[in-house]
């Protein structure tokens, strides 16, 4: 039996309704300068994958929907604060579950 690797379009379809912390960080960073590669780098994507991942994320339905909304500076600040709070809560959960290395 041969296992087939999921292609780009299948991955995009499979994850079109899932908002991850990484995608949320990308959206916040992309709003700063509209540079997908730099946004991917700033959101934690390794340098050797940043261009490809940034291009992929720009086409993500959740990202496209988020970019349709025009955010002012206050809303962007609230978004960044919310992301920081999510990251803090994630670290707390990792600590409780003994997953600090992940």
PDB file of N, CA and C in Angstrom:
ATOM      1  N   UNK A   1       0.841  -1.167   0.000  1.00  0.00           N
ATOM      2  CA  UNK A   1       0.000   0.000   0.000  1.00  0.00           C
ATOM      3  C   UNK A   1       0.894   1.241   0.000  1.00  0.00           C
ATOM      4  N   UNK A   2       0.555   2.176  -0.830  1.00  0.00           N
ATOM      5  CA  UNK A   2       1.334   3.407  -0.958  1.00  0.00           C
ATOM      6  C   UNK A   2       0.611   4.546  -0.243  1.00  0.00           C
ATOM      7  N   UNK A   3       1.362   5.285   0.554  1.00  0.00           N
ATOM      8  CA  UNK A   3       0.779   6.430   1.244  1.00  0.00           C
ATOM      9  C   UNK A   3       1.099   7.669   0.436  1.00  0.00           C
ATOM     10  N   UNK A   4       0.092   8.407   0.092  1.00  0.00           N
ATOM     11  CA  UNK A   4       0.265   9.589  -0.733  1.00  0.00           C
ATOM     12  C   UNK A   4       0.376  10.837   0.134  1.00  0.00           C
ATOM     13  N   UNK A   5       1.308  11.696  -0.185  1.00  0.00           N
ATOM     14  CA  UNK A   5       1.464  12.930   0.551  1.00  0.00           C
ATOM     15  C   UNK A   5       0.394  13.928   0.105  1.00  0.00           C
ATOM     16  N   UNK A   6      -0.132  14.672   1.068  1.00  0.00           N
ATOM     17  CA  UNK A   6      -1.175  15.630   0.770  1.00  0.00           C
ATOM     18  C   UNK A   6      -0.595  16.811  -0.011  1.00  0.00           C
ATOM     19  N   UNK A   7      -1.207  17.153  -1.116  1.00  0.00           N
ATOM     20  CA  UNK A   7      -0.742  18.268  -1.942  1.00  0.00           C
ATOM     21  C   UNK A   7      -1.176  19.604  -1.398  1.00  0.00           C
ATOM     22  N   UNK A   8      -0.666  20.674  -2.010  1.00  0.00           N
ATOM     23  CA  UNK A   8      -0.939  22.031  -1.554  1.00  0.00           C
ATOM     24  C   UNK A   8      -2.428  22.331  -1.487  1.00  0.00           C
ATOM     25  N   UNK A   9      -3.158  22.046  -2.568  1.00  0.00           N
ATOM     26  CA  UNK A   9      -4.577  22.398  -2.596  1.00  0.00           C
ATOM     27  C   UNK A   9      -5.367  21.606  -1.562  1.00  0.00           C
ATOM     28  N   UNK A  10      -4.968  20.357  -1.328  1.00  0.00           N
ATOM     29  CA  UNK A  10      -5.651  19.551  -0.319  1.00  0.00           C
ATOM     30  C   UNK A  10      -5.385  20.081   1.080  1.00  0.00           C
ATOM     31  N   UNK A  11      -4.134  20.517   1.345  1.00  0.00           N
ATOM     32  CA  UNK A  11      -3.823  21.089   2.653  1.00  0.00           C
ATOM     33  C   UNK A  11      -4.617  22.365   2.867  1.00  0.00           C
ATOM     34  N   UNK A  12      -4.713  23.186   1.841  1.00  0.00           N
ATOM     35  CA  UNK A  12      -5.441  24.439   1.943  1.00  0.00           C
ATOM     36  C   UNK A  12      -6.910  24.168   2.251  1.00  0.00           C
ATOM     37  N   UNK A  13      -7.495  23.174   1.577  1.00  0.00           N
ATOM     38  CA  UNK A  13      -8.888  22.825   1.832  1.00  0.00           C
ATOM     39  C   UNK A  13      -9.065  22.245   3.227  1.00  0.00           C
ATOM     40  N   UNK A  14      -8.130  21.418   3.656  1.00  0.00           N
ATOM     41  CA  UNK A  14      -8.248  20.759   4.958  1.00  0.00           C
ATOM     42  C   UNK A  14      -8.184  21.745   6.112  1.00  0.00           C
ATOM     43  N   UNK A  15      -7.449  22.837   5.931  1.00  0.00           N
ATOM     44  CA  UNK A  15      -7.248  23.775   7.035  1.00  0.00           C
ATOM     45  C   UNK A  15      -7.951  25.110   6.826  1.00  0.00           C
ATOM     46  N   UNK A  16      -8.895  25.173   5.917  1.00  0.00           N
ATOM     47  CA  UNK A  16      -9.476  26.469   5.587  1.00  0.00           C
ATOM     48  C   UNK A  16     -10.328  27.063   6.710  1.00  0.00           C
ATOM     49  N   UNK A  17     -10.786  26.258   7.642  1.00  0.00           N
ATOM     50  CA  UNK A  17     -11.621  26.781   8.723  1.00  0.00           C
ATOM     51  C   UNK A  17     -10.948  26.689  10.083  1.00  0.00           C
ATOM     52  N   UNK A  18      -9.655  26.467  10.109  1.00  0.00           N
ATOM     53  CA  UNK A  18      -8.923  26.341  11.374  1.00  0.00           C
ATOM     54  C   UNK A  18      -8.036  27.564  11.563  1.00  0.00           C
ATOM     55  N   UNK A  19      -8.279  28.302  12.645  1.00  0.00           N
ATOM     56  CA  UNK A  19      -7.434  29.443  12.973  1.00  0.00           C
ATOM     57  C   UNK A  19      -6.439  28.988  14.035  1.00  0.00           C
ATOM     58  N   UNK A  20      -5.171  28.981  13.674  1.00  0.00           N
ATOM     59  CA  UNK A  20      -4.128  28.588  14.611  1.00  0.00           C
ATOM     60  C   UNK A  20      -3.444  29.842  15.152  1.00  0.00           C
ATOM     61  N   UNK A  21      -2.712  29.675  16.225  1.00  0.00           N
ATOM     62  CA  UNK A  21      -1.956  30.787  16.782  1.00  0.00           C
ATOM     63  C   UNK A  21      -0.936  31.288  15.767  1.00  0.00           C
ATOM     64  N   UNK A  22      -0.328  30.381  15.035  1.00  0.00           N
ATOM     65  CA  UNK A  22       0.660  30.769  14.027  1.00  0.00           C
ATOM     66  C   UNK A  22       0.022  31.605  12.911  1.00  0.00           C
ATOM     67  N   UNK A  23      -1.178  31.219  12.489  1.00  0.00           N
ATOM     68  CA  UNK A  23      -1.882  31.983  11.463  1.00  0.00           C
ATOM     69  C   UNK A  23      -2.272  33.351  11.996  1.00  0.00           C
ATOM     70  N   UNK A  24      -2.718  33.400  13.230  1.00  0.00           N
ATOM     71  CA  UNK A  24      -3.080  34.665  13.861  1.00  0.00           C
ATOM     72  C   UNK A  24      -1.880  35.602  13.961  1.00  0.00           C
ATOM     73  N   UNK A  25      -0.725  35.055  14.345  1.00  0.00           N
ATOM     74  CA  UNK A  25       0.502  35.863  14.398  1.00  0.00           C
ATOM     75  C   UNK A  25       0.866  36.375  13.011  1.00  0.00           C
ATOM     76  N   UNK A  26       0.732  35.523  11.995  1.00  0.00           N
ATOM     77  CA  UNK A  26       1.037  35.934  10.633  1.00  0.00           C
ATOM     78  C   UNK A  26       0.144  37.100  10.212  1.00  0.00           C
ATOM     79  N   UNK A  27      -1.150  37.013  10.503  1.00  0.00           N
ATOM     80  CA  UNK A  27      -2.080  38.081  10.136  1.00  0.00           C
ATOM     81  C   UNK A  27      -1.658  39.398  10.782  1.00  0.00           C
ATOM     82  N   UNK A  28      -1.358  39.353  12.080  1.00  0.00           N
ATOM     83  CA  UNK A  28      -0.956  40.570  12.793  1.00  0.00           C
ATOM     84  C   UNK A  28       0.323  41.158  12.201  1.00  0.00           C
ATOM     85  N   UNK A  29       1.272  40.300  11.864  1.00  0.00           N
ATOM     86  CA  UNK A  29       2.531  40.775  11.294  1.00  0.00           C
ATOM     87  C   UNK A  29       2.351  41.252   9.855  1.00  0.00           C
ATOM     88  N   UNK A  30       1.509  40.584   9.097  1.00  0.00           N
ATOM     89  CA  UNK A  30       1.274  40.957   7.701  1.00  0.00           C
ATOM     90  C   UNK A  30       0.607  42.328   7.602  1.00  0.00           C
ATOM     91  N   UNK A  31      -0.238  42.658   8.574  1.00  0.00           N
ATOM     92  CA  UNK A  31      -0.906  43.954   8.575  1.00  0.00           C
ATOM     93  C   UNK A  31       0.079  45.111   8.720  1.00  0.00           C
ATOM     94  N   UNK A  32       1.261  44.847   9.276  1.00  0.00           N
ATOM     95  CA  UNK A  32       2.240  45.916   9.497  1.00  0.00           C
ATOM     96  C   UNK A  32       2.814  46.454   8.203  1.00  0.00           C
ATOM     97  N   UNK A  33       3.203  45.580   7.273  1.00  0.00           N
ATOM     98  CA  UNK A  33       3.873  46.060   6.063  1.00  0.00           C
ATOM     99  C   UNK A  33       3.462  45.328   4.781  1.00  0.00           C
ATOM    100  N   UNK A  34       2.531  44.387   4.880  1.00  0.00           N
ATOM    101  CA  UNK A  34       2.036  43.629   3.726  1.00  0.00           C
ATOM    102  C   UNK A  34       3.138  42.859   2.992  1.00  0.00           C
ATOM    103  N   UNK A  35       4.164  42.443   3.729  1.00  0.00           N
ATOM    104  CA  UNK A  35       5.257  41.641   3.167  1.00  0.00           C
ATOM    105  C   UNK A  35       5.127  40.230   3.747  1.00  0.00           C
ATOM    106  N   UNK A  36       4.700  39.281   2.917  1.00  0.00           N
ATOM    107  CA  UNK A  36       4.405  37.931   3.390  1.00  0.00           C
ATOM    108  C   UNK A  36       5.635  37.233   3.957  1.00  0.00           C
ATOM    109  N   UNK A  37       6.768  37.366   3.294  1.00  0.00           N
ATOM    110  CA  UNK A  37       7.987  36.697   3.768  1.00  0.00           C
ATOM    111  C   UNK A  37       8.410  37.236   5.130  1.00  0.00           C
ATOM    112  N   UNK A  38       8.444  38.558   5.265  1.00  0.00           N
ATOM    113  CA  UNK A  38       8.858  39.157   6.536  1.00  0.00           C
ATOM    114  C   UNK A  38       7.842  38.869   7.639  1.00  0.00           C
ATOM    115  N   UNK A  39       6.572  38.869   7.290  1.00  0.00           N
ATOM    116  CA  UNK A  39       5.538  38.547   8.276  1.00  0.00           C
ATOM    117  C   UNK A  39       5.703  37.110   8.766  1.00  0.00           C
ATOM    118  N   UNK A  40       6.013  36.210   7.846  1.00  0.00           N
ATOM    119  CA  UNK A  40       6.232  34.808   8.232  1.00  0.00           C
ATOM    120  C   UNK A  40       7.449  34.694   9.143  1.00  0.00           C
ATOM    121  N   UNK A  41       8.517  35.395   8.812  1.00  0.00           N
ATOM    122  CA  UNK A  41       9.717  35.376   9.660  1.00  0.00           C
ATOM    123  C   UNK A  41       9.409  35.906  11.054  1.00  0.00           C
ATOM    124  N   UNK A  42       8.739  37.051  11.117  1.00  0.00           N
ATOM    125  CA  UNK A  42       8.429  37.659  12.419  1.00  0.00           C
ATOM    126  C   UNK A  42       7.449  36.823  13.222  1.00  0.00           C
ATOM    127  N   UNK A  43       6.643  36.021  12.554  1.00  0.00           N
ATOM    128  CA  UNK A  43       5.676  35.197  13.286  1.00  0.00           C
ATOM    129  C   UNK A  43       6.243  33.835  13.680  1.00  0.00           C
ATOM    130  N   UNK A  44       7.538  33.616  13.396  1.00  0.00           N
ATOM    131  CA  UNK A  44       8.190  32.421  13.909  1.00  0.00           C
ATOM    132  C   UNK A  44       8.507  31.338  12.906  1.00  0.00           C
ATOM    133  N   UNK A  45       8.274  31.579  11.636  1.00  0.00           N
ATOM    134  CA  UNK A  45       8.583  30.590  10.604  1.00  0.00           C
ATOM    135  C   UNK A  45      10.096  30.617  10.350  1.00  0.00           C
ATOM    136  N   UNK A  46      10.752  29.445  10.280  1.00  0.00           N
ATOM    137  CA  UNK A  46      12.188  29.424   9.986  1.00  0.00           C
ATOM    138  C   UNK A  46      12.504  30.096   8.649  1.00  0.00           C
ATOM    139  N   UNK A  47      13.677  30.704   8.569  1.00  0.00           N
ATOM    140  CA  UNK A  47      14.049  31.500   7.401  1.00  0.00           C
ATOM    141  C   UNK A  47      13.988  30.729   6.089  1.00  0.00           C
ATOM    142  N   UNK A  48      14.398  29.462   6.102  1.00  0.00           N
ATOM    143  CA  UNK A  48      14.416  28.700   4.853  1.00  0.00           C
ATOM    144  C   UNK A  48      13.009  28.340   4.342  1.00  0.00           C
ATOM    145  N   UNK A  49      11.966  28.515   5.156  1.00  0.00           N
ATOM    146  CA  UNK A  49      10.593  28.240   4.728  1.00  0.00           C
ATOM    147  C   UNK A  49       9.740  29.500   4.637  1.00  0.00           C
ATOM    148  N   UNK A  50      10.280  30.651   5.041  1.00  0.00           N
ATOM    149  CA  UNK A  50       9.475  31.862   5.198  1.00  0.00           C
ATOM    150  C   UNK A  50       8.786  32.300   3.904  1.00  0.00           C
ATOM    151  N   UNK A  51       9.491  32.293   2.793  1.00  0.00           N
ATOM    152  CA  UNK A  51       8.878  32.731   1.528  1.00  0.00           C
ATOM    153  C   UNK A  51       7.724  31.823   1.126  1.00  0.00           C
ATOM    154  N   UNK A  52       7.961  30.536   1.182  1.00  0.00           N
ATOM    155  CA  UNK A  52       6.931  29.575   0.784  1.00  0.00           C
ATOM    156  C   UNK A  52       5.740  29.613   1.745  1.00  0.00           C
ATOM    157  N   UNK A  53       6.020  29.639   3.047  1.00  0.00           N
ATOM    158  CA  UNK A  53       4.948  29.654   4.036  1.00  0.00           C
ATOM    159  C   UNK A  53       4.163  30.966   3.961  1.00  0.00           C
ATOM    160  N   UNK A  54       4.871  32.087   3.759  1.00  0.00           N
ATOM    161  CA  UNK A  54       4.193  33.372   3.622  1.00  0.00           C
ATOM    162  C   UNK A  54       3.264  33.393   2.429  1.00  0.00           C
ATOM    163  N   UNK A  55       3.736  32.874   1.302  1.00  0.00           N
ATOM    164  CA  UNK A  55       2.904  32.811   0.098  1.00  0.00           C
ATOM    165  C   UNK A  55       1.693  31.909   0.321  1.00  0.00           C
ATOM    166  N   UNK A  56       1.893  30.806   1.013  1.00  0.00           N
ATOM    167  CA  UNK A  56       0.797  29.877   1.309  1.00  0.00           C
ATOM    168  C   UNK A  56      -0.221  30.531   2.233  1.00  0.00           C
ATOM    169  N   UNK A  57       0.277  31.204   3.283  1.00  0.00           N
ATOM    170  CA  UNK A  57      -0.629  31.834   4.240  1.00  0.00           C
ATOM    171  C   UNK A  57      -1.418  32.981   3.619  1.00  0.00           C
ATOM    172  N   UNK A  58      -0.817  33.704   2.678  1.00  0.00           N
ATOM    173  CA  UNK A  58      -1.538  34.797   2.016  1.00  0.00           C
ATOM    174  C   UNK A  58      -2.778  34.296   1.287  1.00  0.00           C
ATOM    175  N   UNK A  59      -2.759  33.045   0.864  1.00  0.00           N
ATOM    176  CA  UNK A  59      -3.890  32.468   0.130  1.00  0.00           C
ATOM    177  C   UNK A  59      -4.888  31.774   1.049  1.00  0.00           C
ATOM    178  N   UNK A  60      -4.551  31.654   2.319  1.00  0.00           N
ATOM    179  CA  UNK A  60      -5.412  30.961   3.281  1.00  0.00           C
ATOM    180  C   UNK A  60      -6.734  31.713   3.422  1.00  0.00           C
ATOM    181  N   UNK A  61      -7.871  31.013   3.333  1.00  0.00           N
ATOM    182  CA  UNK A  61      -9.174  31.689   3.406  1.00  0.00           C
ATOM    183  C   UNK A  61      -9.370  32.529   4.670  1.00  0.00           C
ATOM    184  N   UNK A  62      -8.870  32.070   5.796  1.00  0.00           N
ATOM    185  CA  UNK A  62      -9.015  32.848   7.029  1.00  0.00           C
ATOM    186  C   UNK A  62      -8.202  34.133   6.938  1.00  0.00           C
ATOM    187  N   UNK A  63      -7.005  34.052   6.385  1.00  0.00           N
ATOM    188  CA  UNK A  63      -6.163  35.247   6.229  1.00  0.00           C
ATOM    189  C   UNK A  63      -6.824  36.217   5.266  1.00  0.00           C
ATOM    190  N   UNK A  64      -7.325  35.720   4.142  1.00  0.00           N
ATOM    191  CA  UNK A  64      -8.000  36.576   3.173  1.00  0.00           C
ATOM    192  C   UNK A  64      -9.201  37.279   3.795  1.00  0.00           C
ATOM    193  N   UNK A  65      -9.983  36.543   4.584  1.00  0.00           N
ATOM    194  CA  UNK A  65     -11.149  37.132   5.241  1.00  0.00           C
ATOM    195  C   UNK A  65     -10.725  38.195   6.258  1.00  0.00           C
ATOM    196  N   UNK A  66      -9.658  37.917   7.003  1.00  0.00           N
ATOM    197  CA  UNK A  66      -9.184  38.876   8.002  1.00  0.00           C
ATOM    198  C   UNK A  66      -8.662  40.141   7.344  1.00  0.00           C
ATOM    199  N   UNK A  67      -8.018  40.013   6.193  1.00  0.00           N
ATOM    200  CA  UNK A  67      -7.444  41.175   5.522  1.00  0.00           C
ATOM    201  C   UNK A  67      -8.494  42.049   4.857  1.00  0.00           C
ATOM    202  N   UNK A  68      -9.707  41.520   4.663  1.00  0.00           N
ATOM    203  CA  UNK A  68     -10.793  42.320   4.108  1.00  0.00           C
ATOM    204  C   UNK A  68     -11.231  43.409   5.074  1.00  0.00           C
ATOM    205  N   UNK A  69     -11.062  43.141   6.377  1.00  0.00           N
ATOM    206  CA  UNK A  69     -11.448  44.115   7.392  1.00  0.00           C
ATOM    207  C   UNK A  69     -10.320  45.113   7.591  1.00  0.00           C
ATOM    208  N   UNK A  70     -10.668  46.377   7.532  1.00  0.00           N
ATOM    209  CA  UNK A  70      -9.669  47.420   7.762  1.00  0.00           C
ATOM    210  C   UNK A  70      -9.577  47.683   9.259  1.00  0.00           C
ATOM    211  N   UNK A  71      -8.391  47.475   9.837  1.00  0.00           N
ATOM    212  CA  UNK A  71      -8.192  47.716  11.255  1.00  0.00           C
ATOM    213  C   UNK A  71      -7.477  49.044  11.449  1.00  0.00           C
ATOM    214  N   UNK A  72      -7.922  49.808  12.446  1.00  0.00           N
ATOM    215  CA  UNK A  72      -7.182  51.018  12.771  1.00  0.00           C
ATOM    216  C   UNK A  72      -6.090  50.672  13.785  1.00  0.00           C
ATOM    217  N   UNK A  73      -5.313  51.663  14.190  1.00  0.00           N
ATOM    218  CA  UNK A  73      -4.179  51.408  15.095  1.00  0.00           C
ATOM    219  C   UNK A  73      -4.628  50.811  16.420  1.00  0.00           C
ATOM    220  N   UNK A  74      -5.732  51.311  16.968  1.00  0.00           N
ATOM    221  CA  UNK A  74      -6.232  50.782  18.254  1.00  0.00           C
ATOM    222  C   UNK A  74      -6.612  49.317  18.133  1.00  0.00           C
ATOM    223  N   UNK A  75      -7.265  48.963  17.035  1.00  0.00           N
ATOM    224  CA  UNK A  75      -7.665  47.569  16.836  1.00  0.00           C
ATOM    225  C   UNK A  75      -6.449  46.667  16.642  1.00  0.00           C
ATOM    226  N   UNK A  76      -5.441  47.148  15.927  1.00  0.00           N
ATOM    227  CA  UNK A  76      -4.216  46.367  15.761  1.00  0.00           C
ATOM    228  C   UNK A  76      -3.516  46.174  17.102  1.00  0.00           C
ATOM    229  N   UNK A  77      -3.513  47.204  17.941  1.00  0.00           N
ATOM    230  CA  UNK A  77      -2.923  47.097  19.277  1.00  0.00           C
ATOM    231  C   UNK A  77      -3.680  46.077  20.116  1.00  0.00           C
ATOM    232  N   UNK A  78      -5.017  46.109  20.049  1.00  0.00           N
ATOM    233  CA  UNK A  78      -5.829  45.125  20.777  1.00  0.00           C
ATOM    234  C   UNK A  78      -5.546  43.713  20.284  1.00  0.00           C
ATOM    235  N   UNK A  79      -5.379  43.556  18.967  1.00  0.00           N
ATOM    236  CA  UNK A  79      -5.068  42.252  18.381  1.00  0.00           C
ATOM    237  C   UNK A  79      -3.734  41.737  18.912  1.00  0.00           C
ATOM    238  N   UNK A  80      -2.728  42.600  18.920  1.00  0.00           N
ATOM    239  CA  UNK A  80      -1.407  42.194  19.407  1.00  0.00           C
ATOM    240  C   UNK A  80      -1.440  41.848  20.890  1.00  0.00           C
ATOM    241  N   UNK A  81      -2.210  42.584  21.683  1.00  0.00           N
ATOM    242  CA  UNK A  81      -2.349  42.270  23.114  1.00  0.00           C
ATOM    243  C   UNK A  81      -3.056  40.921  23.300  1.00  0.00           C
ATOM    244  N   UNK A  82      -4.072  40.668  22.483  1.00  0.00           N
ATOM    245  CA  UNK A  82      -4.796  39.399  22.576  1.00  0.00           C
ATOM    246  C   UNK A  82      -3.879  38.229  22.218  1.00  0.00           C
ATOM    247  N   UNK A  83      -3.045  38.402  21.199  1.00  0.00           N
ATOM    248  CA  UNK A  83      -2.100  37.348  20.816  1.00  0.00           C
ATOM    249  C   UNK A  83      -1.111  37.090  21.941  1.00  0.00           C
ATOM    250  N   UNK A  84      -0.621  38.155  22.575  1.00  0.00           N
ATOM    251  CA  UNK A  84       0.310  37.999  23.696  1.00  0.00           C
ATOM    252  C   UNK A  84      -0.355  37.242  24.840  1.00  0.00           C
ATOM    253  N   UNK A  85      -1.618  37.511  25.086  1.00  0.00           N
ATOM    254  CA  UNK A  85      -2.345  36.806  26.151  1.00  0.00           C
ATOM    255  C   UNK A  85      -2.539  35.331  25.792  1.00  0.00           C
ATOM    256  N   UNK A  86      -2.844  35.048  24.543  1.00  0.00           N
ATOM    257  CA  UNK A  86      -2.982  33.653  24.097  1.00  0.00           C
ATOM    258  C   UNK A  86      -1.658  32.921  24.279  1.00  0.00           C
ATOM    259  N   UNK A  87      -0.559  33.562  23.883  1.00  0.00           N
ATOM    260  CA  UNK A  87       0.758  32.933  24.041  1.00  0.00           C
ATOM    261  C   UNK A  87       1.052  32.659  25.515  1.00  0.00           C
ATOM    262  N   UNK A  88       0.689  33.602  26.392  1.00  0.00           N
ATOM    263  CA  UNK A  88       0.901  33.412  27.835  1.00  0.00           C
ATOM    264  C   UNK A  88       0.085  32.220  28.343  1.00  0.00           C
ATOM    265  N   UNK A  89      -1.160  32.130  27.903  1.00  0.00           N
ATOM    266  CA  UNK A  89      -2.016  31.017  28.316  1.00  0.00           C
ATOM    267  C   UNK A  89      -1.500  29.686  27.770  1.00  0.00           C
ATOM    268  N   UNK A  90      -0.975  29.693  26.545  1.00  0.00           N
ATOM    269  CA  UNK A  90      -0.411  28.471  25.966  1.00  0.00           C
ATOM    270  C   UNK A  90       0.784  27.992  26.785  1.00  0.00           C
ATOM    271  N   UNK A  91       1.635  28.923  27.182  1.00  0.00           N
ATOM    272  CA  UNK A  91       2.789  28.554  28.010  1.00  0.00           C
ATOM    273  C   UNK A  91       2.344  27.983  29.350  1.00  0.00           C
ATOM    274  N   UNK A  92       1.306  28.563  29.941  1.00  0.00           N
ATOM    275  CA  UNK A  92       0.769  28.048  31.192  1.00  0.00           C
ATOM    276  C   UNK A  92       0.245  26.621  31.016  1.00  0.00           C
ATOM    277  N   UNK A  93      -0.472  26.379  29.916  1.00  0.00           N
ATOM    278  CA  UNK A  93      -0.992  25.038  29.633  1.00  0.00           C
ATOM    279  C   UNK A  93       0.141  24.039  29.420  1.00  0.00           C
ATOM    280  N   UNK A  94       1.175  24.457  28.681  1.00  0.00           N
ATOM    281  CA  UNK A  94       2.330  23.577  28.470  1.00  0.00           C
ATOM    282  C   UNK A  94       2.985  23.214  29.794  1.00  0.00           C
ATOM    283  N   UNK A  95       3.109  24.205  30.665  1.00  0.00           N
ATOM    284  CA  UNK A  95       3.716  23.957  31.972  1.00  0.00           C
ATOM    285  C   UNK A  95       2.878  22.973  32.782  1.00  0.00           C
ATOM    286  N   UNK A  96       1.563  23.160  32.783  1.00  0.00           N
ATOM    287  CA  UNK A  96       0.681  22.263  33.523  1.00  0.00           C
ATOM    288  C   UNK A  96       0.731  20.835  32.997  1.00  0.00           C
ATOM    289  N   UNK A  97       0.893  20.692  31.688  1.00  0.00           N
ATOM    290  CA  UNK A  97       0.917  19.368  31.059  1.00  0.00           C
ATOM    291  C   UNK A  97       2.317  18.787  30.932  1.00  0.00           C
ATOM    292  N   UNK A  98       3.326  19.533  31.375  1.00  0.00           N
ATOM    293  CA  UNK A  98       4.698  19.050  31.283  1.00  0.00           C
ATOM    294  C   UNK A  98       5.212  19.035  29.854  1.00  0.00           C
ATOM    295  N   UNK A  99       4.781  19.997  29.050  1.00  0.00           N
ATOM    296  CA  UNK A  99       5.171  20.028  27.637  1.00  0.00           C
ATOM    297  C   UNK A  99       6.048  21.234  27.310  1.00  0.00           C
ATOM    298  N   UNK A 100       6.876  21.673  28.220  1.00  0.00           N
ATOM    299  CA  UNK A 100       7.708  22.851  28.016  1.00  0.00           C
ATOM    300  C   UNK A 100       8.647  22.715  26.819  1.00  0.00           C
ATOM    301  N   UNK A 101       9.045  21.506  26.489  1.00  0.00           N
ATOM    302  CA  UNK A 101       9.987  21.284  25.392  1.00  0.00           C
ATOM    303  C   UNK A 101       9.319  21.265  24.021  1.00  0.00           C
ATOM    304  N   UNK A 102       8.006  21.417  23.956  1.00  0.00           N
ATOM    305  CA  UNK A 102       7.282  21.344  22.676  1.00  0.00           C
ATOM    306  C   UNK A 102       6.832  22.697  22.224  1.00  0.00           C
TER     307      UNK A 102
END
